[in-house]
């Protein structure tokens, strides 16, 4: 079980998985990145139309999680609380491009 970072499934709808992110016990980014990837792999997600991340992440964690799912899902997006929308960061879906906003 991940001690320093948690990743959980918040919702799955129409092939889009929403994952909830959260920090755990205090640690440095090297340990947090390893824990984040461990927590993600424990979900056993095989992919789908897209994945949306919601919750806090350091830059190294965000990069590691995005890399881990980028070829499993058609797009990767993260929630921006200022915009109150998800921002597409990676896309293999021709209908979406990086920078697009989705609900």
PDB file of N, CA and C in Angstrom:
ATOM      1  N   UNK A   1       0.846  -1.186   0.000  1.00  0.00           N
ATOM      2  CA  UNK A   1       0.000   0.000   0.000  1.00  0.00           C
ATOM      3  C   UNK A   1       0.887   1.242   0.000  1.00  0.00           C
ATOM      4  N   UNK A   2       0.526   2.199  -0.833  1.00  0.00           N
ATOM      5  CA  UNK A   2       1.292   3.436  -0.927  1.00  0.00           C
ATOM      6  C   UNK A   2       1.148   4.243   0.366  1.00  0.00           C
ATOM      7  N   UNK A   3       2.273   4.725   0.861  1.00  0.00           N
ATOM      8  CA  UNK A   3       2.279   5.482   2.117  1.00  0.00           C
ATOM      9  C   UNK A   3       2.310   6.990   1.893  1.00  0.00           C
ATOM     10  N   UNK A   4       3.013   7.406   0.834  1.00  0.00           N
ATOM     11  CA  UNK A   4       3.250   8.829   0.614  1.00  0.00           C
ATOM     12  C   UNK A   4       2.317   9.461  -0.408  1.00  0.00           C
ATOM     13  N   UNK A   5       1.620   8.641  -1.168  1.00  0.00           N
ATOM     14  CA  UNK A   5       0.738   9.187  -2.204  1.00  0.00           C
ATOM     15  C   UNK A   5      -0.362   8.188  -2.501  1.00  0.00           C
ATOM     16  N   UNK A   6      -1.562   8.684  -2.715  1.00  0.00           N
ATOM     17  CA  UNK A   6      -2.697   7.825  -3.034  1.00  0.00           C
ATOM     18  C   UNK A   6      -3.286   8.196  -4.389  1.00  0.00           C
ATOM     19  N   UNK A   7      -3.700   7.174  -5.115  1.00  0.00           N
ATOM     20  CA  UNK A   7      -4.414   7.328  -6.380  1.00  0.00           C
ATOM     21  C   UNK A   7      -5.612   6.393  -6.301  1.00  0.00           C
ATOM     22  N   UNK A   8      -6.807   6.933  -6.465  1.00  0.00           N
ATOM     23  CA  UNK A   8      -8.011   6.119  -6.412  1.00  0.00           C
ATOM     24  C   UNK A   8      -8.943   6.449  -7.559  1.00  0.00           C
ATOM     25  N   UNK A   9      -9.812   5.506  -7.872  1.00  0.00           N
ATOM     26  CA  UNK A   9     -10.796   5.727  -8.936  1.00  0.00           C
ATOM     27  C   UNK A   9     -11.969   6.503  -8.359  1.00  0.00           C
ATOM     28  N   UNK A  10     -12.229   7.658  -8.937  1.00  0.00           N
ATOM     29  CA  UNK A  10     -13.360   8.491  -8.529  1.00  0.00           C
ATOM     30  C   UNK A  10     -14.598   8.147  -9.343  1.00  0.00           C
ATOM     31  N   UNK A  11     -14.404   7.913 -10.647  1.00  0.00           N
ATOM     32  CA  UNK A  11     -15.537   7.605 -11.524  1.00  0.00           C
ATOM     33  C   UNK A  11     -15.027   7.000 -12.825  1.00  0.00           C
ATOM     34  N   UNK A  12     -15.901   6.232 -13.466  1.00  0.00           N
ATOM     35  CA  UNK A  12     -15.652   5.719 -14.822  1.00  0.00           C
ATOM     36  C   UNK A  12     -16.962   5.888 -15.576  1.00  0.00           C
ATOM     37  N   UNK A  13     -16.898   6.673 -16.660  1.00  0.00           N
ATOM     38  CA  UNK A  13     -18.109   6.925 -17.441  1.00  0.00           C
ATOM     39  C   UNK A  13     -17.729   7.108 -18.901  1.00  0.00           C
ATOM     40  N   UNK A  14     -18.405   6.382 -19.782  1.00  0.00           N
ATOM     41  CA  UNK A  14     -18.198   6.494 -21.230  1.00  0.00           C
ATOM     42  C   UNK A  14     -16.734   6.325 -21.620  1.00  0.00           C
ATOM     43  N   UNK A  15     -16.037   5.402 -20.967  1.00  0.00           N
ATOM     44  CA  UNK A  15     -14.647   5.130 -21.297  1.00  0.00           C
ATOM     45  C   UNK A  15     -13.646   6.110 -20.722  1.00  0.00           C
ATOM     46  N   UNK A  16     -14.124   7.074 -19.933  1.00  0.00           N
ATOM     47  CA  UNK A  16     -13.237   8.059 -19.313  1.00  0.00           C
ATOM     48  C   UNK A  16     -13.152   7.762 -17.819  1.00  0.00           C
ATOM     49  N   UNK A  17     -11.934   7.554 -17.346  1.00  0.00           N
ATOM     50  CA  UNK A  17     -11.678   7.270 -15.937  1.00  0.00           C
ATOM     51  C   UNK A  17     -11.222   8.549 -15.253  1.00  0.00           C
ATOM     52  N   UNK A  18     -11.850   8.883 -14.132  1.00  0.00           N
ATOM     53  CA  UNK A  18     -11.419  10.019 -13.321  1.00  0.00           C
ATOM     54  C   UNK A  18     -10.725   9.461 -12.093  1.00  0.00           C
ATOM     55  N   UNK A  19      -9.487   9.893 -11.887  1.00  0.00           N
ATOM     56  CA  UNK A  19      -8.695   9.429 -10.761  1.00  0.00           C
ATOM     57  C   UNK A  19      -8.523  10.546  -9.736  1.00  0.00           C
ATOM     58  N   UNK A  20      -8.676  10.206  -8.473  1.00  0.00           N
ATOM     59  CA  UNK A  20      -8.504  11.152  -7.365  1.00  0.00           C
ATOM     60  C   UNK A  20      -7.091  10.983  -6.815  1.00  0.00           C
ATOM     61  N   UNK A  21      -6.355  12.082  -6.735  1.00  0.00           N
ATOM     62  CA  UNK A  21      -4.979  12.087  -6.257  1.00  0.00           C
ATOM     63  C   UNK A  21      -4.909  12.740  -4.887  1.00  0.00           C
ATOM     64  N   UNK A  22      -3.995  12.252  -4.034  1.00  0.00           N
ATOM     65  CA  UNK A  22      -3.827  12.853  -2.710  1.00  0.00           C
ATOM     66  C   UNK A  22      -2.455  12.509  -2.155  1.00  0.00           C
ATOM     67  N   UNK A  23      -1.856  13.475  -1.478  1.00  0.00           N
ATOM     68  CA  UNK A  23      -0.608  13.227  -0.775  1.00  0.00           C
ATOM     69  C   UNK A  23      -0.903  12.441   0.490  1.00  0.00           C
ATOM     70  N   UNK A  24       0.054  11.633   0.917  1.00  0.00           N
ATOM     71  CA  UNK A  24      -0.046  10.879   2.160  1.00  0.00           C
ATOM     72  C   UNK A  24       0.929  11.454   3.170  1.00  0.00           C
ATOM     73  N   UNK A  25       1.689  10.585   3.794  1.00  0.00           N
ATOM     74  CA  UNK A  25       2.690  11.014   4.777  1.00  0.00           C
ATOM     75  C   UNK A  25       3.756  11.876   4.099  1.00  0.00           C
ATOM     76  N   UNK A  26       4.319  12.826   4.812  1.00  0.00           N
ATOM     77  CA  UNK A  26       5.360  13.684   4.226  1.00  0.00           C
ATOM     78  C   UNK A  26       6.563  12.867   3.745  1.00  0.00           C
ATOM     79  N   UNK A  27       7.075  13.234   2.585  1.00  0.00           N
ATOM     80  CA  UNK A  27       8.240  12.565   2.007  1.00  0.00           C
ATOM     81  C   UNK A  27       8.806  13.456   0.907  1.00  0.00           C
ATOM     82  N   UNK A  28       9.972  13.088   0.414  1.00  0.00           N
ATOM     83  CA  UNK A  28      10.581  13.797  -0.706  1.00  0.00           C
ATOM     84  C   UNK A  28      10.064  13.196  -2.011  1.00  0.00           C
ATOM     85  N   UNK A  29      10.227  13.951  -3.092  1.00  0.00           N
ATOM     86  CA  UNK A  29       9.642  13.553  -4.377  1.00  0.00           C
ATOM     87  C   UNK A  29      10.109  12.200  -4.900  1.00  0.00           C
ATOM     88  N   UNK A  30      11.347  11.787  -4.598  1.00  0.00           N
ATOM     89  CA  UNK A  30      11.782  10.476  -5.097  1.00  0.00           C
ATOM     90  C   UNK A  30      10.898   9.367  -4.541  1.00  0.00           C
ATOM     91  N   UNK A  31      10.585   9.434  -3.259  1.00  0.00           N
ATOM     92  CA  UNK A  31       9.715   8.428  -2.639  1.00  0.00           C
ATOM     93  C   UNK A  31       8.263   8.612  -3.067  1.00  0.00           C
ATOM     94  N   UNK A  32       7.844   9.865  -3.208  1.00  0.00           N
ATOM     95  CA  UNK A  32       6.456  10.127  -3.588  1.00  0.00           C
ATOM     96  C   UNK A  32       6.175   9.617  -4.999  1.00  0.00           C
ATOM     97  N   UNK A  33       7.094   9.836  -5.922  1.00  0.00           N
ATOM     98  CA  UNK A  33       6.910   9.355  -7.298  1.00  0.00           C
ATOM     99  C   UNK A  33       6.787   7.836  -7.316  1.00  0.00           C
ATOM    100  N   UNK A  34       7.662   7.144  -6.605  1.00  0.00           N
ATOM    101  CA  UNK A  34       7.589   5.677  -6.560  1.00  0.00           C
ATOM    102  C   UNK A  34       6.249   5.221  -5.994  1.00  0.00           C
ATOM    103  N   UNK A  35       5.787   5.886  -4.926  1.00  0.00           N
ATOM    104  CA  UNK A  35       4.503   5.522  -4.315  1.00  0.00           C
ATOM    105  C   UNK A  35       3.330   5.822  -5.243  1.00  0.00           C
ATOM    106  N   UNK A  36       3.398   6.948  -5.953  1.00  0.00           N
ATOM    107  CA  UNK A  36       2.319   7.311  -6.875  1.00  0.00           C
ATOM    108  C   UNK A  36       2.182   6.262  -7.978  1.00  0.00           C
ATOM    109  N   UNK A  37       3.298   5.824  -8.529  1.00  0.00           N
ATOM    110  CA  UNK A  37       3.257   4.805  -9.579  1.00  0.00           C
ATOM    111  C   UNK A  37       2.786   3.464  -9.038  1.00  0.00           C
ATOM    112  N   UNK A  38       3.182   3.143  -7.826  1.00  0.00           N
ATOM    113  CA  UNK A  38       2.716   1.916  -7.179  1.00  0.00           C
ATOM    114  C   UNK A  38       1.200   1.966  -6.976  1.00  0.00           C
ATOM    115  N   UNK A  39       0.710   3.099  -6.475  1.00  0.00           N
ATOM    116  CA  UNK A  39      -0.737   3.256  -6.254  1.00  0.00           C
ATOM    117  C   UNK A  39      -1.500   3.183  -7.570  1.00  0.00           C
ATOM    118  N   UNK A  40      -0.970   3.793  -8.624  1.00  0.00           N
ATOM    119  CA  UNK A  40      -1.618   3.746  -9.933  1.00  0.00           C
ATOM    120  C   UNK A  40      -1.666   2.319 -10.465  1.00  0.00           C
ATOM    121  N   UNK A  41      -0.564   1.599 -10.369  1.00  0.00           N
ATOM    122  CA  UNK A  41      -0.539   0.233 -10.901  1.00  0.00           C
ATOM    123  C   UNK A  41      -1.466  -0.691 -10.124  1.00  0.00           C
ATOM    124  N   UNK A  42      -1.711  -0.408  -8.856  1.00  0.00           N
ATOM    125  CA  UNK A  42      -2.612  -1.236  -8.044  1.00  0.00           C
ATOM    126  C   UNK A  42      -4.064  -1.131  -8.512  1.00  0.00           C
ATOM    127  N   UNK A  43      -4.385  -0.111  -9.303  1.00  0.00           N
ATOM    128  CA  UNK A  43      -5.751   0.066  -9.807  1.00  0.00           C
ATOM    129  C   UNK A  43      -6.056  -0.873 -10.974  1.00  0.00           C
ATOM    130  N   UNK A  44      -5.020  -1.393 -11.618  1.00  0.00           N
ATOM    131  CA  UNK A  44      -5.166  -2.342 -12.731  1.00  0.00           C
ATOM    132  C   UNK A  44      -6.044  -1.782 -13.853  1.00  0.00           C
ATOM    133  N   UNK A  45      -5.839  -0.512 -14.215  1.00  0.00           N
ATOM    134  CA  UNK A  45      -6.578   0.102 -15.323  1.00  0.00           C
ATOM    135  C   UNK A  45      -5.915  -0.309 -16.622  1.00  0.00           C
ATOM    136  N   UNK A  46      -6.705  -0.781 -17.573  1.00  0.00           N
ATOM    137  CA  UNK A  46      -6.164  -1.236 -18.848  1.00  0.00           C
ATOM    138  C   UNK A  46      -6.251  -0.181 -19.938  1.00  0.00           C
ATOM    139  N   UNK A  47      -6.850   0.940 -19.650  1.00  0.00           N
ATOM    140  CA  UNK A  47      -6.948   2.002 -20.629  1.00  0.00           C
ATOM    141  C   UNK A  47      -8.390   2.348 -20.943  1.00  0.00           C
ATOM    142  N   UNK A  48      -8.557   3.195 -21.953  1.00  0.00           N
ATOM    143  CA  UNK A  48      -9.884   3.633 -22.333  1.00  0.00           C
ATOM    144  C   UNK A  48      -9.809   4.892 -23.171  1.00  0.00           C
ATOM    145  N   UNK A  49     -10.946   5.533 -23.298  1.00  0.00           N
ATOM    146  CA  UNK A  49     -11.034   6.747 -24.113  1.00  0.00           C
ATOM    147  C   UNK A  49     -10.179   7.874 -23.545  1.00  0.00           C
ATOM    148  N   UNK A  50     -10.167   8.012 -22.214  1.00  0.00           N
ATOM    149  CA  UNK A  50      -9.389   9.077 -21.599  1.00  0.00           C
ATOM    150  C   UNK A  50      -9.261   8.882 -20.106  1.00  0.00           C
ATOM    151  N   UNK A  51      -8.344   9.640 -19.525  1.00  0.00           N
ATOM    152  CA  UNK A  51      -8.161   9.639 -18.078  1.00  0.00           C
ATOM    153  C   UNK A  51      -8.043  11.086 -17.613  1.00  0.00           C
ATOM    154  N   UNK A  52      -8.715  11.368 -16.502  1.00  0.00           N
ATOM    155  CA  UNK A  52      -8.692  12.709 -15.910  1.00  0.00           C
ATOM    156  C   UNK A  52      -8.141  12.591 -14.493  1.00  0.00           C
ATOM    157  N   UNK A  53      -7.154  13.424 -14.175  1.00  0.00           N
ATOM    158  CA  UNK A  53      -6.577  13.461 -12.834  1.00  0.00           C
ATOM    159  C   UNK A  53      -7.165  14.637 -12.074  1.00  0.00           C
ATOM    160  N   UNK A  54      -7.536  14.376 -10.822  1.00  0.00           N
ATOM    161  CA  UNK A  54      -8.131  15.415  -9.982  1.00  0.00           C
ATOM    162  C   UNK A  54      -7.491  15.333  -8.608  1.00  0.00           C
ATOM    163  N   UNK A  55      -6.822  16.379  -8.192  1.00  0.00           N
ATOM    164  CA  UNK A  55      -6.180  16.423  -6.890  1.00  0.00           C
ATOM    165  C   UNK A  55      -4.762  16.953  -6.998  1.00  0.00           C
ATOM    166  N   UNK A  56      -4.127  17.162  -5.847  1.00  0.00           N
ATOM    167  CA  UNK A  56      -2.793  17.760  -5.849  1.00  0.00           C
ATOM    168  C   UNK A  56      -1.717  16.789  -6.302  1.00  0.00           C
ATOM    169  N   UNK A  57      -0.709  17.343  -6.980  1.00  0.00           N
ATOM    170  CA  UNK A  57       0.452  16.557  -7.402  1.00  0.00           C
ATOM    171  C   UNK A  57       1.629  17.496  -7.578  1.00  0.00           C
ATOM    172  N   UNK A  58       2.796  17.040  -7.181  1.00  0.00           N
ATOM    173  CA  UNK A  58       4.010  17.793  -7.486  1.00  0.00           C
ATOM    174  C   UNK A  58       4.297  17.612  -8.975  1.00  0.00           C
ATOM    175  N   UNK A  59       5.164  18.427  -9.520  1.00  0.00           N
ATOM    176  CA  UNK A  59       5.497  18.305 -10.941  1.00  0.00           C
ATOM    177  C   UNK A  59       6.096  16.933 -11.259  1.00  0.00           C
ATOM    178  N   UNK A  60       7.044  16.400 -10.472  1.00  0.00           N
ATOM    179  CA  UNK A  60       7.548  15.061 -10.786  1.00  0.00           C
ATOM    180  C   UNK A  60       6.462  13.978 -10.743  1.00  0.00           C
ATOM    181  N   UNK A  61       5.544  14.073  -9.804  1.00  0.00           N
ATOM    182  CA  UNK A  61       4.452  13.097  -9.725  1.00  0.00           C
ATOM    183  C   UNK A  61       3.551  13.217 -10.942  1.00  0.00           C
ATOM    184  N   UNK A  62       3.188  14.434 -11.306  1.00  0.00           N
ATOM    185  CA  UNK A  62       2.317  14.641 -12.464  1.00  0.00           C
ATOM    186  C   UNK A  62       2.951  14.089 -13.735  1.00  0.00           C
ATOM    187  N   UNK A  63       4.249  14.323 -13.898  1.00  0.00           N
ATOM    188  CA  UNK A  63       4.932  13.825 -15.091  1.00  0.00           C
ATOM    189  C   UNK A  63       4.984  12.301 -15.102  1.00  0.00           C
ATOM    190  N   UNK A  64       5.272  11.700 -13.971  1.00  0.00           N
ATOM    191  CA  UNK A  64       5.368  10.242 -13.894  1.00  0.00           C
ATOM    192  C   UNK A  64       4.012   9.586 -14.147  1.00  0.00           C
ATOM    193  N   UNK A  65       2.959  10.126 -13.535  1.00  0.00           N
ATOM    194  CA  UNK A  65       1.623   9.555 -13.738  1.00  0.00           C
ATOM    195  C   UNK A  65       1.174   9.714 -15.186  1.00  0.00           C
ATOM    196  N   UNK A  66       1.410  10.883 -15.755  1.00  0.00           N
ATOM    197  CA  UNK A  66       1.025  11.113 -17.145  1.00  0.00           C
ATOM    198  C   UNK A  66       1.746  10.151 -18.080  1.00  0.00           C
ATOM    199  N   UNK A  67       3.028   9.970 -17.867  1.00  0.00           N
ATOM    200  CA  UNK A  67       3.796   9.039 -18.706  1.00  0.00           C
ATOM    201  C   UNK A  67       3.266   7.613 -18.562  1.00  0.00           C
ATOM    202  N   UNK A  68       2.889   7.244 -17.355  1.00  0.00           N
ATOM    203  CA  UNK A  68       2.423   5.878 -17.098  1.00  0.00           C
ATOM    204  C   UNK A  68       1.118   5.550 -17.818  1.00  0.00           C
ATOM    205  N   UNK A  69       0.292   6.547 -18.098  1.00  0.00           N
ATOM    206  CA  UNK A  69      -1.011   6.282 -18.717  1.00  0.00           C
ATOM    207  C   UNK A  69      -1.149   6.802 -20.143  1.00  0.00           C
ATOM    208  N   UNK A  70      -0.185   7.559 -20.621  1.00  0.00           N
ATOM    209  CA  UNK A  70      -0.324   8.252 -21.909  1.00  0.00           C
ATOM    210  C   UNK A  70      -0.594   7.325 -23.087  1.00  0.00           C
ATOM    211  N   UNK A  71      -0.072   6.097 -23.060  1.00  0.00           N
ATOM    212  CA  UNK A  71      -0.287   5.196 -24.190  1.00  0.00           C
ATOM    213  C   UNK A  71      -1.401   4.191 -23.933  1.00  0.00           C
ATOM    214  N   UNK A  72      -2.031   4.289 -22.771  1.00  0.00           N
ATOM    215  CA  UNK A  72      -3.168   3.424 -22.457  1.00  0.00           C
ATOM    216  C   UNK A  72      -4.498   4.109 -22.746  1.00  0.00           C
ATOM    217  N   UNK A  73      -4.492   5.438 -22.725  1.00  0.00           N
ATOM    218  CA  UNK A  73      -5.715   6.223 -22.880  1.00  0.00           C
ATOM    219  C   UNK A  73      -5.582   7.171 -24.065  1.00  0.00           C
ATOM    220  N   UNK A  74      -6.709   7.518 -24.665  1.00  0.00           N
ATOM    221  CA  UNK A  74      -6.715   8.438 -25.800  1.00  0.00           C
ATOM    222  C   UNK A  74      -6.311   9.847 -25.434  1.00  0.00           C
ATOM    223  N   UNK A  75      -6.603  10.247 -24.206  1.00  0.00           N
ATOM    224  CA  UNK A  75      -6.156  11.557 -23.734  1.00  0.00           C
ATOM    225  C   UNK A  75      -5.902  11.503 -22.242  1.00  0.00           C
ATOM    226  N   UNK A  76      -5.072  12.447 -21.781  1.00  0.00           N
ATOM    227  CA  UNK A  76      -4.773  12.628 -20.362  1.00  0.00           C
ATOM    228  C   UNK A  76      -5.070  14.088 -20.054  1.00  0.00           C
ATOM    229  N   UNK A  77      -5.882  14.314 -19.024  1.00  0.00           N
ATOM    230  CA  UNK A  77      -6.237  15.682 -18.640  1.00  0.00           C
ATOM    231  C   UNK A  77      -6.129  15.833 -17.130  1.00  0.00           C
ATOM    232  N   UNK A  78      -5.916  17.060 -16.680  1.00  0.00           N
ATOM    233  CA  UNK A  78      -5.864  17.311 -15.240  1.00  0.00           C
ATOM    234  C   UNK A  78      -6.784  18.481 -14.906  1.00  0.00           C
ATOM    235  N   UNK A  79      -7.341  18.430 -13.695  1.00  0.00           N
ATOM    236  CA  UNK A  79      -8.302  19.441 -13.273  1.00  0.00           C
ATOM    237  C   UNK A  79      -7.586  20.727 -12.904  1.00  0.00           C
ATOM    238  N   UNK A  80      -8.122  21.841 -13.392  1.00  0.00           N
ATOM    239  CA  UNK A  80      -7.635  23.168 -13.029  1.00  0.00           C
ATOM    240  C   UNK A  80      -8.720  23.852 -12.223  1.00  0.00           C
ATOM    241  N   UNK A  81      -8.503  24.037 -10.910  1.00  0.00           N
ATOM    242  CA  UNK A  81      -9.556  24.631 -10.084  1.00  0.00           C
ATOM    243  C   UNK A  81      -9.903  26.066 -10.477  1.00  0.00           C
ATOM    244  N   UNK A  82      -8.965  26.820 -11.041  1.00  0.00           N
ATOM    245  CA  UNK A  82      -9.272  28.191 -11.466  1.00  0.00           C
ATOM    246  C   UNK A  82     -10.247  28.201 -12.637  1.00  0.00           C
ATOM    247  N   UNK A  83     -10.086  27.250 -13.551  1.00  0.00           N
ATOM    248  CA  UNK A  83     -10.962  27.160 -14.720  1.00  0.00           C
ATOM    249  C   UNK A  83     -12.210  26.328 -14.438  1.00  0.00           C
ATOM    250  N   UNK A  84     -12.144  25.518 -13.374  1.00  0.00           N
ATOM    251  CA  UNK A  84     -13.203  24.573 -13.034  1.00  0.00           C
ATOM    252  C   UNK A  84     -13.489  23.619 -14.190  1.00  0.00           C
ATOM    253  N   UNK A  85     -12.429  23.236 -14.881  1.00  0.00           N
ATOM    254  CA  UNK A  85     -12.492  22.293 -15.998  1.00  0.00           C
ATOM    255  C   UNK A  85     -11.200  21.491 -16.016  1.00  0.00           C
ATOM    256  N   UNK A  86     -11.214  20.409 -16.802  1.00  0.00           N
ATOM    257  CA  UNK A  86     -10.017  19.622 -17.014  1.00  0.00           C
ATOM    258  C   UNK A  86      -9.286  20.176 -18.234  1.00  0.00           C
ATOM    259  N   UNK A  87      -7.962  20.258 -18.149  1.00  0.00           N
ATOM    260  CA  UNK A  87      -7.129  20.721 -19.253  1.00  0.00           C
ATOM    261  C   UNK A  87      -6.444  19.495 -19.862  1.00  0.00           C
ATOM    262  N   UNK A  88      -6.647  19.290 -21.156  1.00  0.00           N
ATOM    263  CA  UNK A  88      -6.004  18.171 -21.852  1.00  0.00           C
ATOM    264  C   UNK A  88      -4.511  18.464 -21.931  1.00  0.00           C
ATOM    265  N   UNK A  89      -3.699  17.521 -21.442  1.00  0.00           N
ATOM    266  CA  UNK A  89      -2.247  17.673 -21.457  1.00  0.00           C
ATOM    267  C   UNK A  89      -1.590  16.802 -22.525  1.00  0.00           C
ATOM    268  N   UNK A  90      -2.161  15.617 -22.771  1.00  0.00           N
ATOM    269  CA  UNK A  90      -1.648  14.669 -23.758  1.00  0.00           C
ATOM    270  C   UNK A  90      -2.844  14.147 -24.532  1.00  0.00           C
ATOM    271  N   UNK A  91      -2.715  14.029 -25.849  1.00  0.00           N
ATOM    272  CA  UNK A  91      -3.834  13.497 -26.617  1.00  0.00           C
ATOM    273  C   UNK A  91      -3.370  12.714 -27.835  1.00  0.00           C
ATOM    274  N   UNK A  92      -3.977  11.540 -27.990  1.00  0.00           N
ATOM    275  CA  UNK A  92      -3.842  10.737 -29.202  1.00  0.00           C
ATOM    276  C   UNK A  92      -5.195  10.695 -29.907  1.00  0.00           C
ATOM    277  N   UNK A  93      -6.148  11.411 -29.374  1.00  0.00           N
ATOM    278  CA  UNK A  93      -7.515  11.484 -29.890  1.00  0.00           C
ATOM    279  C   UNK A  93      -7.595  12.682 -30.839  1.00  0.00           C
ATOM    280  N   UNK A  94      -7.917  12.447 -32.107  1.00  0.00           N
ATOM    281  CA  UNK A  94      -7.934  13.557 -33.064  1.00  0.00           C
ATOM    282  C   UNK A  94      -8.967  14.641 -32.749  1.00  0.00           C
ATOM    283  N   UNK A  95      -9.946  14.330 -31.903  1.00  0.00           N
ATOM    284  CA  UNK A  95     -10.951  15.342 -31.564  1.00  0.00           C
ATOM    285  C   UNK A  95     -10.513  16.242 -30.404  1.00  0.00           C
ATOM    286  N   UNK A  96      -9.385  15.941 -29.779  1.00  0.00           N
ATOM    287  CA  UNK A  96      -8.877  16.745 -28.663  1.00  0.00           C
ATOM    288  C   UNK A  96      -7.403  17.056 -28.897  1.00  0.00           C
ATOM    289  N   UNK A  97      -7.003  18.243 -28.459  1.00  0.00           N
ATOM    290  CA  UNK A  97      -5.585  18.594 -28.538  1.00  0.00           C
ATOM    291  C   UNK A  97      -5.144  19.178 -27.203  1.00  0.00           C
ATOM    292  N   UNK A  98      -3.851  19.116 -26.892  1.00  0.00           N
ATOM    293  CA  UNK A  98      -3.378  19.713 -25.645  1.00  0.00           C
ATOM    294  C   UNK A  98      -3.816  21.172 -25.524  1.00  0.00           C
ATOM    295  N   UNK A  99      -4.314  21.496 -24.348  1.00  0.00           N
ATOM    296  CA  UNK A  99      -4.842  22.837 -24.093  1.00  0.00           C
ATOM    297  C   UNK A  99      -6.339  22.926 -24.181  1.00  0.00           C
ATOM    298  N   UNK A 100      -6.991  21.926 -24.789  1.00  0.00           N
ATOM    299  CA  UNK A 100      -8.452  21.906 -24.828  1.00  0.00           C
ATOM    300  C   UNK A 100      -8.999  21.747 -23.410  1.00  0.00           C
ATOM    301  N   UNK A 101     -10.150  22.345 -23.175  1.00  0.00           N
ATOM    302  CA  UNK A 101     -10.841  22.232 -21.890  1.00  0.00           C
ATOM    303  C   UNK A 101     -12.007  21.272 -22.013  1.00  0.00           C
ATOM    304  N   UNK A 102     -12.163  20.387 -21.024  1.00  0.00           N
ATOM    305  CA  UNK A 102     -13.286  19.465 -20.998  1.00  0.00           C
ATOM    306  C   UNK A 102     -13.924  19.487 -19.611  1.00  0.00           C
ATOM    307  N   UNK A 103     -15.186  19.105 -19.547  1.00  0.00           N
ATOM    308  CA  UNK A 103     -15.889  19.064 -18.252  1.00  0.00           C
ATOM    309  C   UNK A 103     -15.488  17.832 -17.478  1.00  0.00           C
TER     310      UNK A 103
END
